[in-house]
Amino acid sequence: MRTIDSPEFSLIRTFVSAFDLPPPPAGPGDDCAVVRPGTMDLCVTTDAVIEGVHFILPRFSFHDVGHKALAVNLSDLAAMGAKPRWFVCALALPARLRPGVPRMAAGMSRLARLHGAVLVGGNVSAAPELSITVTAIGEVVRGRALTRSGARPGDLLYVSGTLGDARLGLTLLERGIRSRAAKRQLRPEPRIGLGRICARYARAAIDISDGFAQDLAQLCRASALGARVDVDSLPVSAEVLRRAGSRERATRWALRGGEDYELLVAVPPNRTRAFERHCARAGQRVSQVGVLTAGAQLRFVSAQGTTLPPPRGFDHFATVRSGAV
């Protein structure tokens, strides 16, 4: 079984190959770029949310859209172990949606204040549909940024929170049902505090935006490793388990569902006990779910020893659905 690829990542590699890129972690290939203006490393990331691709009004409120536009960028900073500092926002929208701007700003500003991120610039323009592009900048102690390429064979894999909620939440929103899982889709919470902890113990990290299995594959590819995942240890919420109807189906959602924005981290064996203790003291839930291995093989194994076929995550260039990336 080989690592998972998609047209999106192939296109990214094709595009960046035309440029003279600095070596990692300075350039494309991680959740953020890292630049060094002084004693701290700056982590820079950008992402967009687009009407009809990432959200549909009015299933998402304007408040939800503003929150999520910033949250997906802060999640990238969390994956690097960075503290948010600044961000810029480019807003494009049709005239009919201008009355919603204050509510979008309210949703974004609440999250910004919570994590100490300061709006320092941006742009507004007319467009046929609503889109918000945010560029966020954070800082981390020099040389301590968590990249995807730093893992080693034998590192243990940990994941934060629970998986599959946002995938379930999208389905519930399509049915007009609001619940905890729906909130995970509408207003994801970036794991900034956990990311700062991970920077002290982990060797590599990635945020789970395109699905656990697909994002694990990206971390493994960057570190030139494989992995063995115990699928029965993947954390799922009571709501996901109840609505899935079986652990097997809940596991599929956990493996494939996108937009959970949890963190997947690789921790050396000699640091795991201290890492778990620190997370417990800070009230951060983490679950050990597997181990990184030499080679390029990804194995998803059940407690009965059954190996699951390789799951696929979200594909940005597949048929556009009503929501989740």
C-alpha atoms as a PDB file:
ATOM      1  CA  MET A   1       0.000   0.000   0.000  1.00  0.00           C
ATOM      2  CA  ARG A   2       1.516   3.331  -1.043  1.00  0.00           C
ATOM      3  CA  THR A   3       1.002   6.824   0.346  1.00  0.00           C
ATOM      4  CA  ILE A   4      -2.157   8.597  -0.760  1.00  0.00           C
ATOM      5  CA  ASP A   5      -1.991  11.266  -3.453  1.00  0.00           C
ATOM      6  CA  SER A   6      -4.594  13.500  -5.100  1.00  0.00           C
ATOM      7  CA  PRO A   7      -4.783  15.796  -8.127  1.00  0.00           C
ATOM      8  CA  GLU A   8      -4.621  18.774  -5.764  1.00  0.00           C
ATOM      9  CA  PHE A   9      -1.214  17.901  -4.325  1.00  0.00           C
ATOM     10  CA  SER A  10       0.121  16.912  -7.736  1.00  0.00           C
ATOM     11  CA  LEU A  11      -0.923  20.303  -9.089  1.00  0.00           C
ATOM     12  CA  ILE A  12       0.746  22.069  -6.152  1.00  0.00           C
ATOM     13  CA  ARG A  13       4.014  20.280  -6.815  1.00  0.00           C
ATOM     14  CA  THR A  14       3.790  21.124 -10.530  1.00  0.00           C
ATOM     15  CA  PHE A  15       3.207  24.788  -9.782  1.00  0.00           C
ATOM     16  CA  VAL A  16       5.982  25.288  -7.212  1.00  0.00           C
ATOM     17  CA  SER A  17       8.503  23.442  -9.386  1.00  0.00           C
ATOM     18  CA  ALA A  18       8.701  26.545 -11.609  1.00  0.00           C
ATOM     19  CA  PHE A  19      10.157  28.620  -8.776  1.00  0.00           C
ATOM     20  CA  ASP A  20      13.582  28.866  -7.142  1.00  0.00           C
ATOM     21  CA  LEU A  21      12.526  27.755  -3.677  1.00  0.00           C
ATOM     22  CA  PRO A  22      14.547  28.024  -0.459  1.00  0.00           C
ATOM     23  CA  PRO A  23      15.110  24.772   1.454  1.00  0.00           C
ATOM     24  CA  PRO A  24      12.519  23.677   4.071  1.00  0.00           C
ATOM     25  CA  PRO A  25      11.146  25.041   6.279  1.00  0.00           C
ATOM     26  CA  ALA A  26      11.378  28.397   4.510  1.00  0.00           C
ATOM     27  CA  GLY A  27       9.256  27.668   1.441  1.00  0.00           C
ATOM     28  CA  PRO A  28       6.094  25.837   0.317  1.00  0.00           C
ATOM     29  CA  GLY A  29       5.422  22.315   1.576  1.00  0.00           C
ATOM     30  CA  ASP A  30       4.400  22.826   5.200  1.00  0.00           C
ATOM     31  CA  ASP A  31       1.371  24.338   6.914  1.00  0.00           C
ATOM     32  CA  CYS A  32       3.210  27.674   6.989  1.00  0.00           C
ATOM     33  CA  ALA A  33       6.281  29.263   5.464  1.00  0.00           C
ATOM     34  CA  VAL A  34       8.990  30.168   7.992  1.00  0.00           C
ATOM     35  CA  VAL A  35      10.999  33.377   7.707  1.00  0.00           C
ATOM     36  CA  ARG A  36      13.711  34.667  10.034  1.00  0.00           C
ATOM     37  CA  PRO A  37      13.740  38.424  10.550  1.00  0.00           C
ATOM     38  CA  GLY A  38      15.423  38.259  13.964  1.00  0.00           C
ATOM     39  CA  THR A  39      15.495  36.120  17.082  1.00  0.00           C
ATOM     40  CA  MET A  40      12.094  34.535  16.386  1.00  0.00           C
ATOM     41  CA  ASP A  41      10.917  32.563  13.379  1.00  0.00           C
ATOM     42  CA  LEU A  42       7.828  33.964  11.659  1.00  0.00           C
ATOM     43  CA  CYS A  43       5.314  31.476  10.305  1.00  0.00           C
ATOM     44  CA  VAL A  44       3.183  32.757   7.426  1.00  0.00           C
ATOM     45  CA  THR A  45       0.124  31.019   5.992  1.00  0.00           C
ATOM     46  CA  THR A  46      -2.767  31.898   3.700  1.00  0.00           C
ATOM     47  CA  ASP A  47      -6.103  30.271   2.941  1.00  0.00           C
ATOM     48  CA  ALA A  48      -9.483  31.228   1.519  1.00  0.00           C
ATOM     49  CA  VAL A  49     -13.101  30.301   2.109  1.00  0.00           C
ATOM     50  CA  ILE A  50     -15.345  30.622  -0.954  1.00  0.00           C
ATOM     51  CA  GLU A  51     -19.108  30.614  -1.262  1.00  0.00           C
ATOM     52  CA  GLY A  52     -20.392  27.437  -2.904  1.00  0.00           C
ATOM     53  CA  VAL A  53     -17.138  25.567  -2.200  1.00  0.00           C
ATOM     54  CA  HIS A  54     -16.494  25.914   1.530  1.00  0.00           C
ATOM     55  CA  PHE A  55     -19.871  27.192   2.680  1.00  0.00           C
ATOM     56  CA  ILE A  56     -23.393  27.896   1.517  1.00  0.00           C
ATOM     57  CA  LEU A  57     -25.510  30.756   2.827  1.00  0.00           C
ATOM     58  CA  PRO A  58     -27.728  30.681   4.854  1.00  0.00           C
ATOM     59  CA  ARG A  59     -26.652  27.292   6.259  1.00  0.00           C
ATOM     60  CA  PHE A  60     -23.626  29.225   7.413  1.00  0.00           C
ATOM     61  CA  SER A  61     -24.369  32.558   9.067  1.00  0.00           C
ATOM     62  CA  PHE A  62     -22.187  35.556   8.253  1.00  0.00           C
ATOM     63  CA  HIS A  63     -20.758  35.205  11.764  1.00  0.00           C
ATOM     64  CA  ASP A  64     -19.822  31.580  10.983  1.00  0.00           C
ATOM     65  CA  VAL A  65     -18.136  32.579   7.728  1.00  0.00           C
ATOM     66  CA  GLY A  66     -16.015  35.267   9.379  1.00  0.00           C
ATOM     67  CA  HIS A  67     -14.986  32.919  12.176  1.00  0.00           C
ATOM     68  CA  LYS A  68     -14.075  30.084   9.841  1.00  0.00           C
ATOM     69  CA  ALA A  69     -12.065  32.247   7.444  1.00  0.00           C
ATOM     70  CA  LEU A  70      -9.671  33.124  10.248  1.00  0.00           C
ATOM     71  CA  ALA A  71      -9.881  29.776  12.053  1.00  0.00           C
ATOM     72  CA  VAL A  72      -8.545  27.718   9.148  1.00  0.00           C
ATOM     73  CA  ASN A  73      -5.457  29.939   9.024  1.00  0.00           C
ATOM     74  CA  LEU A  74      -4.904  29.900  12.777  1.00  0.00           C
ATOM     75  CA  SER A  75      -5.087  26.108  12.615  1.00  0.00           C
ATOM     76  CA  ASP A  76      -2.068  26.147  10.281  1.00  0.00           C
ATOM     77  CA  LEU A  77      -0.185  28.279  12.799  1.00  0.00           C
ATOM     78  CA  ALA A  78      -1.161  25.822  15.548  1.00  0.00           C
ATOM     79  CA  ALA A  79       0.306  22.970  13.495  1.00  0.00           C
ATOM     80  CA  MET A  80       3.632  24.811  13.398  1.00  0.00           C
ATOM     81  CA  GLY A  81       3.603  25.483  17.150  1.00  0.00           C
ATOM     82  CA  ALA A  82       3.351  29.223  16.477  1.00  0.00           C
ATOM     83  CA  LYS A  83       1.726  32.003  18.470  1.00  0.00           C
ATOM     84  CA  PRO A  84      -0.622  34.105  16.268  1.00  0.00           C
ATOM     85  CA  ARG A  85       0.456  37.735  15.919  1.00  0.00           C
ATOM     86  CA  TRP A  86      -0.966  39.428  12.808  1.00  0.00           C
ATOM     87  CA  PHE A  87      -3.198  38.794   9.823  1.00  0.00           C
ATOM     88  CA  VAL A  88      -4.457  40.518   6.679  1.00  0.00           C
ATOM     89  CA  CYS A  89      -7.809  39.864   5.052  1.00  0.00           C
ATOM     90  CA  ALA A  90      -8.926  40.189   1.431  1.00  0.00           C
ATOM     91  CA  LEU A  91     -12.715  40.316   1.154  1.00  0.00           C
ATOM     92  CA  ALA A  92     -14.481  39.896  -2.201  1.00  0.00           C
ATOM     93  CA  LEU A  93     -18.266  39.978  -2.311  1.00  0.00           C
ATOM     94  CA  PRO A  94     -21.319  40.856  -4.410  1.00  0.00           C
ATOM     95  CA  ALA A  95     -23.312  43.956  -3.580  1.00  0.00           C
ATOM     96  CA  ARG A  96     -26.237  41.885  -2.280  1.00  0.00           C
ATOM     97  CA  LEU A  97     -24.115  40.593   0.606  1.00  0.00           C
ATOM     98  CA  ARG A  98     -22.668  43.899   1.786  1.00  0.00           C
ATOM     99  CA  PRO A  99     -25.161  44.112   4.699  1.00  0.00           C
ATOM    100  CA  GLY A 100     -23.543  40.963   6.113  1.00  0.00           C
ATOM    101  CA  VAL A 101     -20.074  42.485   6.426  1.00  0.00           C
ATOM    102  CA  PRO A 102     -20.451  43.674  10.047  1.00  0.00           C
ATOM    103  CA  ARG A 103     -21.505  40.182  11.140  1.00  0.00           C
ATOM    104  CA  MET A 104     -18.590  38.598   9.277  1.00  0.00           C
ATOM    105  CA  ALA A 105     -16.269  41.065  10.990  1.00  0.00           C
ATOM    106  CA  ALA A 106     -17.816  40.258  14.376  1.00  0.00           C
ATOM    107  CA  GLY A 107     -17.249  36.533  13.922  1.00  0.00           C
ATOM    108  CA  MET A 108     -13.657  37.071  12.828  1.00  0.00           C
ATOM    109  CA  SER A 109     -12.781  39.681  15.445  1.00  0.00           C
ATOM    110  CA  ARG A 110     -14.025  37.542  18.338  1.00  0.00           C
ATOM    111  CA  LEU A 111     -11.684  34.721  17.344  1.00  0.00           C
ATOM    112  CA  ALA A 112      -8.848  37.173  16.698  1.00  0.00           C
ATOM    113  CA  ARG A 113      -9.145  38.671  20.179  1.00  0.00           C
ATOM    114  CA  LEU A 114      -9.311  35.200  21.755  1.00  0.00           C
ATOM    115  CA  HIS A 115      -5.930  34.260  20.263  1.00  0.00           C
ATOM    116  CA  GLY A 116      -4.218  37.650  20.233  1.00  0.00           C
ATOM    117  CA  ALA A 117      -4.142  38.017  16.428  1.00  0.00           C
ATOM    118  CA  VAL A 118      -4.182  41.599  15.160  1.00  0.00           C
ATOM    119  CA  LEU A 119      -5.685  42.673  11.820  1.00  0.00           C
ATOM    120  CA  VAL A 120      -3.031  44.796  10.104  1.00  0.00           C
ATOM    121  CA  GLY A 121      -4.300  45.141   6.532  1.00  0.00           C
ATOM    122  CA  GLY A 122      -6.277  43.710   3.680  1.00  0.00           C
ATOM    123  CA  ASN A 123      -8.391  44.490   0.658  1.00  0.00           C
ATOM    124  CA  VAL A 124     -12.048  44.670  -0.393  1.00  0.00           C
ATOM    125  CA  SER A 125     -13.347  44.159  -3.912  1.00  0.00           C
ATOM    126  CA  ALA A 126     -16.507  43.306  -5.816  1.00  0.00           C
ATOM    127  CA  ALA A 127     -16.993  39.713  -6.946  1.00  0.00           C
ATOM    128  CA  PRO A 128     -19.785  37.452  -8.223  1.00  0.00           C
ATOM    129  CA  GLU A 129     -19.639  35.369  -5.033  1.00  0.00           C
ATOM    130  CA  LEU A 130     -18.375  35.836  -1.505  1.00  0.00           C
ATOM    131  CA  SER A 131     -14.792  34.864  -0.719  1.00  0.00           C
ATOM    132  CA  ILE A 132     -12.494  35.725   2.162  1.00  0.00           C
ATOM    133  CA  THR A 133      -8.745  35.243   1.897  1.00  0.00           C
ATOM    134  CA  VAL A 134      -6.711  35.566   5.082  1.00  0.00           C
ATOM    135  CA  THR A 135      -2.945  35.639   5.449  1.00  0.00           C
ATOM    136  CA  ALA A 136      -1.906  34.999   9.052  1.00  0.00           C
ATOM    137  CA  ILE A 137       1.494  35.440  10.677  1.00  0.00           C
ATOM    138  CA  GLY A 138       2.668  33.835  13.883  1.00  0.00           C
ATOM    139  CA  GLU A 139       5.952  33.511  15.720  1.00  0.00           C
ATOM    140  CA  VAL A 140       7.836  30.627  17.264  1.00  0.00           C
ATOM    141  CA  VAL A 141      11.185  30.318  19.016  1.00  0.00           C
ATOM    142  CA  ARG A 142      13.880  30.164  16.380  1.00  0.00           C
ATOM    143  CA  GLY A 143      14.420  26.643  15.078  1.00  0.00           C
ATOM    144  CA  ARG A 144      11.389  25.247  16.966  1.00  0.00           C
ATOM    145  CA  ALA A 145       8.744  25.432  14.217  1.00  0.00           C
ATOM    146  CA  LEU A 146       7.072  22.059  13.678  1.00  0.00           C
ATOM    147  CA  THR A 147       7.343  21.006  10.052  1.00  0.00           C
ATOM    148  CA  ARG A 148       5.965  17.894   8.378  1.00  0.00           C
ATOM    149  CA  SER A 149       9.449  16.677   7.523  1.00  0.00           C
ATOM    150  CA  GLY A 150      10.959  16.302  10.976  1.00  0.00           C
ATOM    151  CA  ALA A 151       9.541  12.896  11.983  1.00  0.00           C
ATOM    152  CA  ARG A 152      11.663   9.756  12.513  1.00  0.00           C
ATOM    153  CA  PRO A 153      10.884   6.017  12.475  1.00  0.00           C
ATOM    154  CA  GLY A 154       9.493   4.960  15.838  1.00  0.00           C
ATOM    155  CA  ASP A 155       7.891   8.325  16.623  1.00  0.00           C
ATOM    156  CA  LEU A 156       4.428   7.825  18.068  1.00  0.00           C
ATOM    157  CA  LEU A 157       1.424   9.446  16.414  1.00  0.00           C
ATOM    158  CA  TYR A 158      -0.999  11.469  18.511  1.00  0.00           C
ATOM    159  CA  VAL A 159      -4.190  13.201  17.444  1.00  0.00           C
ATOM    160  CA  SER A 160      -6.085  15.853  19.376  1.00  0.00           C
ATOM    161  CA  GLY A 161      -9.790  15.999  20.159  1.00  0.00           C
ATOM    162  CA  THR A 162     -12.168  13.820  18.164  1.00  0.00           C
ATOM    163  CA  LEU A 163     -12.423  13.050  14.456  1.00  0.00           C
ATOM    164  CA  GLY A 164     -15.329  12.885  12.028  1.00  0.00           C
ATOM    165  CA  ASP A 165     -17.466  15.546  13.708  1.00  0.00           C
ATOM    166  CA  ALA A 166     -17.164  18.126  10.942  1.00  0.00           C
ATOM    167  CA  ARG A 167     -17.988  15.541   8.275  1.00  0.00           C
ATOM    168  CA  LEU A 168     -21.114  14.577  10.229  1.00  0.00           C
ATOM    169  CA  GLY A 169     -21.868  18.242  10.853  1.00  0.00           C
ATOM    170  CA  LEU A 170     -21.957  18.960   7.126  1.00  0.00           C
ATOM    171  CA  THR A 171     -24.519  16.198   6.596  1.00  0.00           C
ATOM    172  CA  LEU A 172     -26.645  17.475   9.482  1.00  0.00           C
ATOM    173  CA  LEU A 173     -26.564  21.043   8.152  1.00  0.00           C
ATOM    174  CA  GLU A 174     -27.823  19.794   4.789  1.00  0.00           C
ATOM    175  CA  ARG A 175     -30.797  18.356   6.714  1.00  0.00           C
ATOM    176  CA  GLY A 176     -31.332  21.553   8.682  1.00  0.00           C
ATOM    177  CA  ILE A 177     -30.134  19.969  11.957  1.00  0.00           C
ATOM    178  CA  ARG A 178     -28.014  21.994  14.382  1.00  0.00           C
ATOM    179  CA  SER A 179     -25.929  20.071  16.911  1.00  0.00           C
ATOM    180  CA  ARG A 180     -22.458  19.915  18.447  1.00  0.00           C
ATOM    181  CA  ALA A 181     -21.138  18.255  15.285  1.00  0.00           C
ATOM    182  CA  ALA A 182     -22.711  20.965  13.134  1.00  0.00           C
ATOM    183  CA  LYS A 183     -20.931  23.585  15.235  1.00  0.00           C
ATOM    184  CA  ARG A 184     -17.614  21.813  14.563  1.00  0.00           C
ATOM    185  CA  GLN A 185     -18.301  22.375  10.847  1.00  0.00           C
ATOM    186  CA  LEU A 186     -19.479  25.957  11.272  1.00  0.00           C
ATOM    187  CA  ARG A 187     -16.963  27.257  13.796  1.00  0.00           C
ATOM    188  CA  PRO A 188     -13.854  25.084  14.122  1.00  0.00           C
ATOM    189  CA  GLU A 189     -11.581  25.932  17.023  1.00  0.00           C
ATOM    190  CA  PRO A 190      -7.870  26.116  16.137  1.00  0.00           C
ATOM    191  CA  ARG A 191      -5.704  24.217  18.650  1.00  0.00           C
ATOM    192  CA  ILE A 192      -3.327  27.102  19.360  1.00  0.00           C
ATOM    193  CA  GLY A 193      -2.611  26.174  22.972  1.00  0.00           C
ATOM    194  CA  LEU A 194      -1.927  22.554  22.090  1.00  0.00           C
ATOM    195  CA  GLY A 195       0.333  23.617  19.239  1.00  0.00           C
ATOM    196  CA  ARG A 196       2.505  25.580  21.656  1.00  0.00           C
ATOM    197  CA  ILE A 197       2.798  22.454  23.837  1.00  0.00           C
ATOM    198  CA  CYS A 198       3.627  20.291  20.823  1.00  0.00           C
ATOM    199  CA  ALA A 199       6.485  22.617  19.889  1.00  0.00           C
ATOM    200  CA  ARG A 200       8.221  21.501  23.113  1.00  0.00           C
ATOM    201  CA  TYR A 201       7.866  17.747  22.581  1.00  0.00           C
ATOM    202  CA  ALA A 202       6.973  16.798  18.984  1.00  0.00           C
ATOM    203  CA  ARG A 203       9.215  16.452  15.931  1.00  0.00           C
ATOM    204  CA  ALA A 204       6.561  16.944  13.226  1.00  0.00           C
ATOM    205  CA  ALA A 205       2.939  18.017  12.945  1.00  0.00           C
ATOM    206  CA  ILE A 206       0.113  18.772  10.531  1.00  0.00           C
ATOM    207  CA  ASP A 207      -3.419  20.026  11.025  1.00  0.00           C
ATOM    208  CA  ILE A 208      -6.246  17.751   9.899  1.00  0.00           C
ATOM    209  CA  SER A 209      -8.110  19.693   7.216  1.00  0.00           C
ATOM    210  CA  ASP A 210      -8.430  17.200   4.347  1.00  0.00           C
ATOM    211  CA  GLY A 211      -9.070  14.096   6.474  1.00  0.00           C
ATOM    212  CA  PHE A 212      -6.897  12.141   8.918  1.00  0.00           C
ATOM    213  CA  ALA A 213      -5.722   9.540   6.381  1.00  0.00           C
ATOM    214  CA  GLN A 214      -4.860  12.045   3.667  1.00  0.00           C
ATOM    215  CA  ASP A 215      -3.093  14.461   6.009  1.00  0.00           C
ATOM    216  CA  LEU A 216      -1.162  11.595   7.606  1.00  0.00           C
ATOM    217  CA  ALA A 217      -0.024  10.680   4.092  1.00  0.00           C
ATOM    218  CA  GLN A 218       1.283  14.225   3.583  1.00  0.00           C
ATOM    219  CA  LEU A 219       3.258  14.103   6.831  1.00  0.00           C
ATOM    220  CA  CYS A 220       4.650  10.681   5.921  1.00  0.00           C
ATOM    221  CA  ARG A 221       5.626  11.800   2.428  1.00  0.00           C
ATOM    222  CA  ALA A 222       7.415  14.888   3.772  1.00  0.00           C
ATOM    223  CA  SER A 223       9.330  12.762   6.321  1.00  0.00           C
ATOM    224  CA  ALA A 224       9.909   9.885   3.842  1.00  0.00           C
ATOM    225  CA  LEU A 225       8.232   7.428   6.223  1.00  0.00           C
ATOM    226  CA  GLY A 226       5.314   5.048   6.481  1.00  0.00           C
ATOM    227  CA  ALA A 227       2.911   4.523   9.371  1.00  0.00           C
ATOM    228  CA  ARG A 228       0.864   1.903  11.156  1.00  0.00           C
ATOM    229  CA  VAL A 229      -2.433   3.217  12.532  1.00  0.00           C
ATOM    230  CA  ASP A 230      -4.628   1.389  15.036  1.00  0.00           C
ATOM    231  CA  VAL A 231      -8.008   2.452  13.662  1.00  0.00           C
ATOM    232  CA  ASP A 232      -9.856   1.351  16.802  1.00  0.00           C
ATOM    233  CA  SER A 233      -7.903   3.946  18.799  1.00  0.00           C
ATOM    234  CA  LEU A 234      -9.043   6.862  16.608  1.00  0.00           C
ATOM    235  CA  PRO A 235     -11.035   9.169  18.918  1.00  0.00           C
ATOM    236  CA  VAL A 236     -14.680   9.739  17.947  1.00  0.00           C
ATOM    237  CA  SER A 237     -17.359  11.654  19.831  1.00  0.00           C
ATOM    238  CA  ALA A 238     -20.487  10.081  21.305  1.00  0.00           C
ATOM    239  CA  GLU A 239     -22.558  11.907  18.676  1.00  0.00           C
ATOM    240  CA  VAL A 240     -20.505  10.550  15.784  1.00  0.00           C
ATOM    241  CA  LEU A 241     -20.707   7.022  17.182  1.00  0.00           C
ATOM    242  CA  ARG A 242     -24.458   7.287  17.791  1.00  0.00           C
ATOM    243  CA  ARG A 243     -25.329   8.728  14.395  1.00  0.00           C
ATOM    244  CA  ALA A 244     -22.930   6.426  12.539  1.00  0.00           C
ATOM    245  CA  GLY A 245     -24.708   3.422  14.006  1.00  0.00           C
ATOM    246  CA  SER A 246     -21.540   1.316  14.233  1.00  0.00           C
ATOM    247  CA  ARG A 247     -17.911   1.710  15.218  1.00  0.00           C
ATOM    248  CA  GLU A 248     -16.892   0.603  11.712  1.00  0.00           C
ATOM    249  CA  ARG A 249     -18.796   3.431  10.054  1.00  0.00           C
ATOM    250  CA  ALA A 250     -17.647   5.955  12.661  1.00  0.00           C
ATOM    251  CA  THR A 251     -14.073   4.885  11.918  1.00  0.00           C
ATOM    252  CA  ARG A 252     -14.582   5.555   8.202  1.00  0.00           C
ATOM    253  CA  TRP A 253     -15.811   9.057   9.020  1.00  0.00           C
ATOM    254  CA  ALA A 254     -12.809   9.603  11.312  1.00  0.00           C
ATOM    255  CA  LEU A 255     -10.375   8.489   8.597  1.00  0.00           C
ATOM    256  CA  ARG A 256     -11.912  10.345   5.673  1.00  0.00           C
ATOM    257  CA  GLY A 257     -13.786  13.332   7.077  1.00  0.00           C
ATOM    258  CA  GLY A 258     -12.234  16.737   6.463  1.00  0.00           C
ATOM    259  CA  GLU A 259     -12.293  20.028   8.355  1.00  0.00           C
ATOM    260  CA  ASP A 260     -11.828  18.650  11.855  1.00  0.00           C
ATOM    261  CA  TYR A 261      -8.847  21.018  12.286  1.00  0.00           C
ATOM    262  CA  GLU A 262      -7.365  18.809  14.982  1.00  0.00           C
ATOM    263  CA  LEU A 263      -3.595  18.322  15.209  1.00  0.00           C
ATOM    264  CA  LEU A 264      -1.717  15.184  14.192  1.00  0.00           C
ATOM    265  CA  VAL A 265       1.748  15.107  15.778  1.00  0.00           C
ATOM    266  CA  ALA A 266       4.767  12.807  15.852  1.00  0.00           C
ATOM    267  CA  VAL A 267       6.386  12.530  19.293  1.00  0.00           C
ATOM    268  CA  PRO A 268       9.658  10.677  20.047  1.00  0.00           C
ATOM    269  CA  PRO A 269       9.109   7.707  22.401  1.00  0.00           C
ATOM    270  CA  ASN A 270      11.285   9.215  25.128  1.00  0.00           C
ATOM    271  CA  ARG A 271       9.097  12.337  25.258  1.00  0.00           C
ATOM    272  CA  THR A 272       5.629  10.787  25.176  1.00  0.00           C
ATOM    273  CA  ARG A 273       5.132  10.506  28.934  1.00  0.00           C
ATOM    274  CA  ALA A 274       6.045  14.144  29.536  1.00  0.00           C
ATOM    275  CA  PHE A 275       3.932  15.192  26.548  1.00  0.00           C
ATOM    276  CA  GLU A 276       0.867  13.350  27.845  1.00  0.00           C
ATOM    277  CA  ARG A 277       1.310  14.796  31.339  1.00  0.00           C
ATOM    278  CA  HIS A 278       1.640  18.348  30.006  1.00  0.00           C
ATOM    279  CA  CYS A 279      -1.468  17.924  27.832  1.00  0.00           C
ATOM    280  CA  ALA A 280      -3.445  16.548  30.793  1.00  0.00           C
ATOM    281  CA  ARG A 281      -2.444  19.494  33.004  1.00  0.00           C
ATOM    282  CA  ALA A 282      -3.469  21.922  30.250  1.00  0.00           C
ATOM    283  CA  GLY A 283      -6.811  20.191  29.634  1.00  0.00           C
ATOM    284  CA  GLN A 284      -5.814  19.176  26.096  1.00  0.00           C
ATOM    285  CA  ARG A 285      -7.170  15.816  24.945  1.00  0.00           C
ATOM    286  CA  VAL A 286      -4.731  13.754  22.888  1.00  0.00           C
ATOM    287  CA  SER A 287      -4.906  10.103  21.814  1.00  0.00           C
ATOM    288  CA  GLN A 288      -2.066   7.852  20.714  1.00  0.00           C
ATOM    289  CA  VAL A 289      -3.174   6.293  17.438  1.00  0.00           C
ATOM    290  CA  GLY A 290      -0.141   4.735  15.772  1.00  0.00           C
ATOM    291  CA  VAL A 291       3.548   4.764  15.012  1.00  0.00           C
ATOM    292  CA  LEU A 292       5.740   5.969  12.153  1.00  0.00           C
ATOM    293  CA  THR A 293       7.716   3.311  10.320  1.00  0.00           C
ATOM    294  CA  ALA A 294      10.592   3.068   7.867  1.00  0.00           C
ATOM    295  CA  GLY A 295       9.534   2.804   4.227  1.00  0.00           C
ATOM    296  CA  ALA A 296       6.556   4.341   2.466  1.00  0.00           C
ATOM    297  CA  GLN A 297       3.735   1.985   3.432  1.00  0.00           C
ATOM    298  CA  LEU A 298       0.629   3.230   5.245  1.00  0.00           C
ATOM    299  CA  ARG A 299      -1.285   0.544   7.125  1.00  0.00           C
ATOM    300  CA  PHE A 300      -4.657   1.065   8.794  1.00  0.00           C
ATOM    301  CA  VAL A 301      -5.186  -1.934  11.052  1.00  0.00           C
ATOM    302  CA  SER A 302      -8.121  -2.970  13.264  1.00  0.00           C
ATOM    303  CA  ALA A 303      -7.836  -4.706  16.643  1.00  0.00           C
ATOM    304  CA  GLN A 304      -8.646  -7.988  14.870  1.00  0.00           C
ATOM    305  CA  GLY A 305      -5.601  -7.521  12.652  1.00  0.00           C
ATOM    306  CA  THR A 306      -7.612  -6.643   9.548  1.00  0.00           C
ATOM    307  CA  THR A 307      -5.911  -4.143   7.246  1.00  0.00           C
ATOM    308  CA  LEU A 308      -8.319  -1.575   5.814  1.00  0.00           C
ATOM    309  CA  PRO A 309      -8.033  -0.334   2.213  1.00  0.00           C
ATOM    310  CA  PRO A 310      -6.395   3.116   1.949  1.00  0.00           C
ATOM    311  CA  PRO A 311      -9.039   5.785   2.653  1.00  0.00           C
ATOM    312  CA  ARG A 312      -9.172   8.986   0.658  1.00  0.00           C
ATOM    313  CA  GLY A 313      -9.843  12.446   1.970  1.00  0.00           C
ATOM    314  CA  PHE A 314     -11.186  15.596   0.368  1.00  0.00           C
ATOM    315  CA  ASP A 315     -10.258  16.434  -3.233  1.00  0.00           C
ATOM    316  CA  HIS A 316     -10.480  20.149  -4.078  1.00  0.00           C
ATOM    317  CA  PHE A 317     -10.865  19.358  -7.770  1.00  0.00           C
ATOM    318  CA  ALA A 318     -13.602  16.729  -7.489  1.00  0.00           C
ATOM    319  CA  THR A 319     -17.244  17.743  -8.042  1.00  0.00           C
ATOM    320  CA  VAL A 320     -18.020  20.677  -5.771  1.00  0.00           C
ATOM    321  CA  ARG A 321     -20.417  19.690  -3.024  1.00  0.00           C
ATOM    322  CA  SER A 322     -22.248  21.841  -0.520  1.00  0.00           C
ATOM    323  CA  GLY A 323     -19.435  22.433   1.722  1.00  0.00           C
ATOM    324  CA  ALA A 324     -16.531  20.738   3.350  1.00  0.00           C
ATOM    325  CA  VAL A 325     -12.928  20.971   2.412  1.00  0.00           C
END
